[in-house]
Every structure is written in C-alpha cells, then in structure tokens.
PDB file of N, CA and C in Angstrom:
ATOM      1  N   MET A   1       0.841  -1.168   0.000  1.00  0.00           N
ATOM      2  CA  MET A   1       0.000   0.000   0.000  1.00  0.00           C
ATOM      3  C   MET A   1       0.896   1.245   0.000  1.00  0.00           C
ATOM      4  N   PRO A   2       0.622   2.226  -0.883  1.00  0.00           N
ATOM      5  CA  PRO A   2       1.460   3.425  -0.934  1.00  0.00           C
ATOM      6  C   PRO A   2       1.340   4.244   0.360  1.00  0.00           C
ATOM      7  N   LYS A   3       2.455   4.836   0.731  1.00  0.00           N
ATOM      8  CA  LYS A   3       2.478   5.661   1.935  1.00  0.00           C
ATOM      9  C   LYS A   3       1.781   6.993   1.653  1.00  0.00           C
ATOM     10  N   GLN A   4       0.910   7.412   2.567  1.00  0.00           N
ATOM     11  CA  GLN A   4       0.170   8.657   2.396  1.00  0.00           C
ATOM     12  C   GLN A   4       1.075   9.854   2.712  1.00  0.00           C
ATOM     13  N   GLN A   5       0.995  10.887   1.867  1.00  0.00           N
ATOM     14  CA  GLN A   5       1.779  12.093   2.105  1.00  0.00           C
ATOM     15  C   GLN A   5       1.267  12.803   3.342  1.00  0.00           C
ATOM     16  N   ARG A   6       2.187  13.379   4.111  1.00  0.00           N
ATOM     17  CA  ARG A   6       1.831  14.145   5.290  1.00  0.00           C
ATOM     18  C   ARG A   6       2.228  15.595   5.029  1.00  0.00           C
ATOM     19  N   PHE A   7       1.320  16.503   5.296  1.00  0.00           N
ATOM     20  CA  PHE A   7       1.570  17.916   5.065  1.00  0.00           C
ATOM     21  C   PHE A   7       1.537  18.677   6.381  1.00  0.00           C
ATOM     22  N   LEU A   8       2.345  19.725   6.435  1.00  0.00           N
ATOM     23  CA  LEU A   8       2.370  20.638   7.575  1.00  0.00           C
ATOM     24  C   LEU A   8       1.874  21.996   7.110  1.00  0.00           C
ATOM     25  N   THR A   9       1.222  22.722   8.005  1.00  0.00           N
ATOM     26  CA  THR A   9       0.857  24.089   7.657  1.00  0.00           C
ATOM     27  C   THR A   9       2.139  24.903   7.584  1.00  0.00           C
ATOM     28  N   PHE A  10       2.041  26.073   7.000  1.00  0.00           N
ATOM     29  CA  PHE A  10       3.201  26.938   6.840  1.00  0.00           C
ATOM     30  C   PHE A  10       3.816  27.267   8.201  1.00  0.00           C
ATOM     31  N   SER A  11       2.970  27.568   9.189  1.00  0.00           N
ATOM     32  CA  SER A  11       3.490  27.905  10.518  1.00  0.00           C
ATOM     33  C   SER A  11       4.111  26.685  11.200  1.00  0.00           C
ATOM     34  N   GLU A  12       3.543  25.492  11.016  1.00  0.00           N
ATOM     35  CA  GLU A  12       4.137  24.276  11.572  1.00  0.00           C
ATOM     36  C   GLU A  12       5.491  23.998  10.934  1.00  0.00           C
ATOM     37  N   ALA A  13       5.589  24.202   9.617  1.00  0.00           N
ATOM     38  CA  ALA A  13       6.855  23.982   8.910  1.00  0.00           C
ATOM     39  C   ALA A  13       7.922  24.959   9.400  1.00  0.00           C
ATOM     40  N   ALA A  14       7.544  26.210   9.597  1.00  0.00           N
ATOM     41  CA  ALA A  14       8.496  27.210  10.101  1.00  0.00           C
ATOM     42  C   ALA A  14       8.984  26.822  11.495  1.00  0.00           C
ATOM     43  N   ALA A  15       8.062  26.370  12.344  1.00  0.00           N
ATOM     44  CA  ALA A  15       8.435  25.960  13.696  1.00  0.00           C
ATOM     45  C   ALA A  15       9.346  24.733  13.662  1.00  0.00           C
ATOM     46  N   THR A  16       9.088  23.804  12.747  1.00  0.00           N
ATOM     47  CA  THR A  16       9.924  22.612  12.613  1.00  0.00           C
ATOM     48  C   THR A  16      11.348  22.989  12.231  1.00  0.00           C
ATOM     49  N   LEU A  17      11.480  23.961  11.322  1.00  0.00           N
ATOM     50  CA  LEU A  17      12.808  24.423  10.914  1.00  0.00           C
ATOM     51  C   LEU A  17      13.455  25.334  11.953  1.00  0.00           C
ATOM     52  N   GLY A  18      12.625  25.884  12.840  1.00  0.00           N
ATOM     53  CA  GLY A  18      13.147  26.818  13.837  1.00  0.00           C
ATOM     54  C   GLY A  18      13.394  28.194  13.252  1.00  0.00           C
ATOM     55  N   VAL A  19      12.589  28.568  12.250  1.00  0.00           N
ATOM     56  CA  VAL A  19      12.716  29.876  11.617  1.00  0.00           C
ATOM     57  C   VAL A  19      11.362  30.582  11.643  1.00  0.00           C
ATOM     58  N   SER A  20      11.375  31.860  11.314  1.00  0.00           N
ATOM     59  CA  SER A  20      10.124  32.613  11.235  1.00  0.00           C
ATOM     60  C   SER A  20       9.419  32.291   9.921  1.00  0.00           C
ATOM     61  N   GLU A  21       8.140  32.640   9.838  1.00  0.00           N
ATOM     62  CA  GLU A  21       7.400  32.427   8.599  1.00  0.00           C
ATOM     63  C   GLU A  21       7.985  33.235   7.438  1.00  0.00           C
ATOM     64  N   PRO A  22       8.412  34.506   7.653  1.00  0.00           N
ATOM     65  CA  PRO A  22       9.054  35.230   6.545  1.00  0.00           C
ATOM     66  C   PRO A  22      10.350  34.558   6.075  1.00  0.00           C
ATOM     67  N   ALA A  23      11.106  33.968   6.993  1.00  0.00           N
ATOM     68  CA  ALA A  23      12.335  33.267   6.612  1.00  0.00           C
ATOM     69  C   ALA A  23      12.002  32.022   5.789  1.00  0.00           C
ATOM     70  N   LEU A  24      10.936  31.318   6.171  1.00  0.00           N
ATOM     71  CA  LEU A  24      10.508  30.155   5.404  1.00  0.00           C
ATOM     72  C   LEU A  24      10.020  30.583   4.024  1.00  0.00           C
ATOM     73  N   LEU A  25       9.312  31.697   3.966  1.00  0.00           N
ATOM     74  CA  LEU A  25       8.828  32.208   2.681  1.00  0.00           C
ATOM     75  C   LEU A  25       9.994  32.527   1.750  1.00  0.00           C
ATOM     76  N   ARG A  26      11.096  33.060   2.294  1.00  0.00           N
ATOM     77  CA  ARG A  26      12.279  33.326   1.468  1.00  0.00           C
ATOM     78  C   ARG A  26      12.834  32.036   0.869  1.00  0.00           C
ATOM     79  N   ARG A  27      12.819  30.969   1.638  1.00  0.00           N
ATOM     80  CA  ARG A  27      13.301  29.678   1.126  1.00  0.00           C
ATOM     81  C   ARG A  27      12.377  29.136   0.041  1.00  0.00           C
ATOM     82  N   VAL A  28      11.081  29.363   0.193  1.00  0.00           N
ATOM     83  CA  VAL A  28      10.116  28.942  -0.825  1.00  0.00           C
ATOM     84  C   VAL A  28      10.341  29.735  -2.106  1.00  0.00           C
ATOM     85  N   ARG A  29      10.477  31.055  -1.975  1.00  0.00           N
ATOM     86  CA  ARG A  29      10.683  31.913  -3.149  1.00  0.00           C
ATOM     87  C   ARG A  29      12.001  31.620  -3.851  1.00  0.00           C
ATOM     88  N   ALA A  30      12.999  31.153  -3.091  1.00  0.00           N
ATOM     89  CA  ALA A  30      14.295  30.805  -3.675  1.00  0.00           C
ATOM     90  C   ALA A  30      14.244  29.443  -4.366  1.00  0.00           C
ATOM     91  N   GLY A  31      13.139  28.731  -4.222  1.00  0.00           N
ATOM     92  CA  GLY A  31      12.980  27.444  -4.875  1.00  0.00           C
ATOM     93  C   GLY A  31      13.479  26.256  -4.081  1.00  0.00           C
ATOM     94  N   HIS A  32      13.797  26.452  -2.797  1.00  0.00           N
ATOM     95  CA  HIS A  32      14.296  25.360  -1.965  1.00  0.00           C
ATOM     96  C   HIS A  32      13.177  24.439  -1.501  1.00  0.00           C
ATOM     97  N   LEU A  33      11.980  24.974  -1.349  1.00  0.00           N
ATOM     98  CA  LEU A  33      10.813  24.209  -0.914  1.00  0.00           C
ATOM     99  C   LEU A  33       9.615  24.579  -1.772  1.00  0.00           C
ATOM    100  N   GLN A  34       8.691  23.655  -1.876  1.00  0.00           N
ATOM    101  CA  GLN A  34       7.465  23.901  -2.632  1.00  0.00           C
ATOM    102  C   GLN A  34       6.290  23.936  -1.659  1.00  0.00           C
ATOM    103  N   THR A  35       5.328  24.804  -1.917  1.00  0.00           N
ATOM    104  CA  THR A  35       4.119  24.838  -1.104  1.00  0.00           C
ATOM    105  C   THR A  35       2.940  24.346  -1.930  1.00  0.00           C
ATOM    106  N   TYR A  36       1.930  23.915  -1.228  1.00  0.00           N
ATOM    107  CA  TYR A  36       0.717  23.387  -1.841  1.00  0.00           C
ATOM    108  C   TYR A  36      -0.482  24.110  -1.237  1.00  0.00           C
ATOM    109  N   VAL A  37      -1.586  24.118  -1.959  1.00  0.00           N
ATOM    110  CA  VAL A  37      -2.813  24.743  -1.477  1.00  0.00           C
ATOM    111  C   VAL A  37      -3.638  23.687  -0.761  1.00  0.00           C
ATOM    112  N   ASP A  38      -4.130  24.023   0.431  1.00  0.00           N
ATOM    113  CA  ASP A  38      -5.008  23.137   1.178  1.00  0.00           C
ATOM    114  C   ASP A  38      -6.317  22.994   0.407  1.00  0.00           C
ATOM    115  N   PRO A  39      -6.747  21.782   0.085  1.00  0.00           N
ATOM    116  CA  PRO A  39      -7.972  21.620  -0.692  1.00  0.00           C
ATOM    117  C   PRO A  39      -9.230  22.080   0.042  1.00  0.00           C
ATOM    118  N   THR A  40      -9.159  22.187   1.367  1.00  0.00           N
ATOM    119  CA  THR A  40     -10.331  22.633   2.125  1.00  0.00           C
ATOM    120  C   THR A  40     -10.359  24.135   2.353  1.00  0.00           C
ATOM    121  N   ASP A  41      -9.208  24.806   2.178  1.00  0.00           N
ATOM    122  CA  ASP A  41      -9.139  26.256   2.377  1.00  0.00           C
ATOM    123  C   ASP A  41      -8.002  26.798   1.525  1.00  0.00           C
ATOM    124  N   TYR A  42      -8.328  27.448   0.433  1.00  0.00           N
ATOM    125  CA  TYR A  42      -7.322  27.905  -0.526  1.00  0.00           C
ATOM    126  C   TYR A  42      -6.344  28.930   0.064  1.00  0.00           C
ATOM    127  N   ARG A  43      -6.666  29.520   1.205  1.00  0.00           N
ATOM    128  CA  ARG A  43      -5.778  30.513   1.823  1.00  0.00           C
ATOM    129  C   ARG A  43      -4.637  29.874   2.611  1.00  0.00           C
ATOM    130  N   VAL A  44      -4.757  28.590   2.904  1.00  0.00           N
ATOM    131  CA  VAL A  44      -3.768  27.894   3.730  1.00  0.00           C
ATOM    132  C   VAL A  44      -2.708  27.260   2.837  1.00  0.00           C
ATOM    133  N   ARG A  45      -1.443  27.551   3.148  1.00  0.00           N
ATOM    134  CA  ARG A  45      -0.318  26.948   2.426  1.00  0.00           C
ATOM    135  C   ARG A  45       0.161  25.746   3.210  1.00  0.00           C
ATOM    136  N   LEU A  46       0.508  24.690   2.483  1.00  0.00           N
ATOM    137  CA  LEU A  46       1.003  23.460   3.098  1.00  0.00           C
ATOM    138  C   LEU A  46       2.388  23.133   2.554  1.00  0.00           C
ATOM    139  N   VAL A  47       3.174  22.436   3.372  1.00  0.00           N
ATOM    140  CA  VAL A  47       4.503  21.984   2.982  1.00  0.00           C
ATOM    141  C   VAL A  47       4.545  20.479   3.207  1.00  0.00           C
ATOM    142  N   ASP A  48       5.058  19.744   2.220  1.00  0.00           N
ATOM    143  CA  ASP A  48       5.189  18.298   2.331  1.00  0.00           C
ATOM    144  C   ASP A  48       6.228  17.989   3.417  1.00  0.00           C
ATOM    145  N   ALA A  49       5.835  17.184   4.423  1.00  0.00           N
ATOM    146  CA  ALA A  49       6.726  16.883   5.543  1.00  0.00           C
ATOM    147  C   ALA A  49       7.990  16.162   5.083  1.00  0.00           C
ATOM    148  N   ALA A  50       7.867  15.261   4.113  1.00  0.00           N
ATOM    149  CA  ALA A  50       9.045  14.531   3.614  1.00  0.00           C
ATOM    150  C   ALA A  50      10.016  15.482   2.907  1.00  0.00           C
ATOM    151  N   GLU A  51       9.476  16.439   2.153  1.00  0.00           N
ATOM    152  CA  GLU A  51      10.320  17.425   1.468  1.00  0.00           C
ATOM    153  C   GLU A  51      11.031  18.317   2.486  1.00  0.00           C
ATOM    154  N   LEU A  52      10.323  18.666   3.562  1.00  0.00           N
ATOM    155  CA  LEU A  52      10.913  19.491   4.610  1.00  0.00           C
ATOM    156  C   LEU A  52      12.042  18.739   5.314  1.00  0.00           C
ATOM    157  N   GLU A  53      11.827  17.453   5.589  1.00  0.00           N
ATOM    158  CA  GLU A  53      12.864  16.647   6.234  1.00  0.00           C
ATOM    159  C   GLU A  53      14.094  16.536   5.336  1.00  0.00           C
ATOM    160  N   ALA A  54      13.883  16.365   4.029  1.00  0.00           N
ATOM    161  CA  ALA A  54      15.007  16.287   3.095  1.00  0.00           C
ATOM    162  C   ALA A  54      15.760  17.617   3.042  1.00  0.00           C
ATOM    163  N   PHE A  55      15.042  18.724   3.148  1.00  0.00           N
ATOM    164  CA  PHE A  55      15.660  20.052   3.144  1.00  0.00           C
ATOM    165  C   PHE A  55      16.532  20.238   4.384  1.00  0.00           C
ATOM    166  N   MET A  56      16.151  19.617   5.487  1.00  0.00           N
ATOM    167  CA  MET A  56      16.852  19.793   6.757  1.00  0.00           C
ATOM    168  C   MET A  56      18.153  18.989   6.844  1.00  0.00           C
ATOM    169  N   VAL A  57      18.417  18.104   5.880  1.00  0.00           N
ATOM    170  CA  VAL A  57      19.640  17.293   5.894  1.00  0.00           C
ATOM    171  C   VAL A  57      20.831  18.204   5.646  1.00  0.00           C
ATOM    172  N   PRO A  58      21.868  18.135   6.498  1.00  0.00           N
ATOM    173  CA  PRO A  58      23.050  18.975   6.287  1.00  0.00           C
ATOM    174  C   PRO A  58      23.706  18.683   4.940  1.00  0.00           C
ATOM    175  N   ARG A  59      24.176  19.734   4.287  1.00  0.00           N
ATOM    176  CA  ARG A  59      24.830  19.601   2.989  1.00  0.00           C
ATOM    177  C   ARG A  59      26.287  20.041   3.130  1.00  0.00           C
ATOM    178  N   PRO A  60      27.205  19.279   2.540  1.00  0.00           N
ATOM    179  CA  PRO A  60      28.615  19.659   2.631  1.00  0.00           C
ATOM    180  C   PRO A  60      28.916  20.910   1.805  1.00  0.00           C
ATOM    181  N   LEU A  61      29.884  21.682   2.261  1.00  0.00           N
ATOM    182  CA  LEU A  61      30.338  22.871   1.540  1.00  0.00           C
ATOM    183  C   LEU A  61      31.767  22.659   1.064  1.00  0.00           C
ATOM    184  N   ARG A  62      32.094  23.260  -0.076  1.00  0.00           N
ATOM    185  CA  ARG A  62      33.478  23.259  -0.548  1.00  0.00           C
ATOM    186  C   ARG A  62      34.242  24.308   0.260  1.00  0.00           C
ATOM    187  N   ARG A  63      35.516  24.346   0.098  1.00  0.00           N
ATOM    188  CA  ARG A  63      36.328  25.308   0.842  1.00  0.00           C
ATOM    189  C   ARG A  63      35.980  26.757   0.520  1.00  0.00           C
ATOM    190  N   ASP A  64      35.492  27.001  -0.714  1.00  0.00           N
ATOM    191  CA  ASP A  64      35.150  28.374  -1.076  1.00  0.00           C
ATOM    192  C   ASP A  64      33.747  28.765  -0.606  1.00  0.00           C
ATOM    193  N   GLY A  65      33.095  27.872   0.161  1.00  0.00           N
ATOM    194  CA  GLY A  65      31.787  28.193   0.721  1.00  0.00           C
ATOM    195  C   GLY A  65      30.607  27.824  -0.159  1.00  0.00           C
ATOM    196  N   GLN A  66      30.865  27.313  -1.364  1.00  0.00           N
ATOM    197  CA  GLN A  66      29.787  26.930  -2.250  1.00  0.00           C
ATOM    198  C   GLN A  66      29.284  25.528  -1.885  1.00  0.00           C
ATOM    199  N   GLU A  67      27.985  25.332  -2.047  1.00  0.00           N
ATOM    200  CA  GLU A  67      27.389  24.042  -1.734  1.00  0.00           C
ATOM    201  C   GLU A  67      27.801  23.007  -2.767  1.00  0.00           C
ATOM    202  N   VAL A  68      28.111  21.795  -2.318  1.00  0.00           N
ATOM    203  CA  VAL A  68      28.469  20.699  -3.202  1.00  0.00           C
ATOM    204  C   VAL A  68      27.187  20.123  -3.788  1.00  0.00           C
ATOM    205  N   ALA A  69      27.172  19.871  -5.082  1.00  0.00           N
ATOM    206  CA  ALA A  69      25.989  19.278  -5.728  1.00  0.00           C
ATOM    207  C   ALA A  69      25.816  17.851  -5.211  1.00  0.00           C
ATOM    208  N   MET A  70      24.624  17.548  -4.767  1.00  0.00           N
ATOM    209  CA  MET A  70      24.317  16.211  -4.268  1.00  0.00           C
ATOM    210  C   MET A  70      23.900  15.318  -5.440  1.00  0.00           C
ATOM    211  N   VAL A  71      24.428  14.110  -5.479  1.00  0.00           N
ATOM    212  CA  VAL A  71      24.111  13.167  -6.541  1.00  0.00           C
ATOM    213  C   VAL A  71      23.194  12.108  -5.959  1.00  0.00           C
ATOM    214  N   ASN A  72      22.080  11.859  -6.625  1.00  0.00           N
ATOM    215  CA  ASN A  72      21.122  10.867  -6.178  1.00  0.00           C
ATOM    216  C   ASN A  72      21.651   9.491  -6.540  1.00  0.00           C
ATOM    217  N   ALA A  73      21.807   8.617  -5.566  1.00  0.00           N
ATOM    218  CA  ALA A  73      22.400   7.296  -5.779  1.00  0.00           C
ATOM    219  C   ALA A  73      21.382   6.268  -6.278  1.00  0.00           C
ATOM    220  N   SER A  74      20.156   6.636  -6.485  1.00  0.00           N
ATOM    221  CA  SER A  74      19.156   5.642  -6.906  1.00  0.00           C
ATOM    222  C   SER A  74      19.113   5.458  -8.387  1.00  0.00           C
TER     223      SER A  74
END
C-alpha cells in the first residue's frame, strides 16, 4: 500500500525548521521548498513533511563556501 503524504501548515513547517514564517517564505521563493494549497481552504499553504525533512539534511560545503551538488544514488 502506498504511503500517504503528510503535510504541515506553513506555521508548523516554520516551527519545525526553527525559523520565522518570513524566513521560510524566502526559502520557498528561492525554490528550496514547494508549497501546496489546502484543498479545504485555498488561503492555507502546506509543505510536504518529507520534502521538509530532506531540506533539513546537512549539505557539505566546498572550501570556497559553495554548496556541493548532491548526486542521487538511486
């Protein structure tokens, strides 16, 4: 049976990351995270919990401070 997606509200996602909602919005606008519209209330933004967890994984940096491109091993 396929695993059901779990979504967090925008404020729950911000609290999970430990950032403010405007800081989370900057990450969304930068393309780091995607938001979804709540089907029961179009004003509510949702964030996929699995996508948020993947975003929270530490990423290695090169010596010049640039992020190393991650290669998917699958």
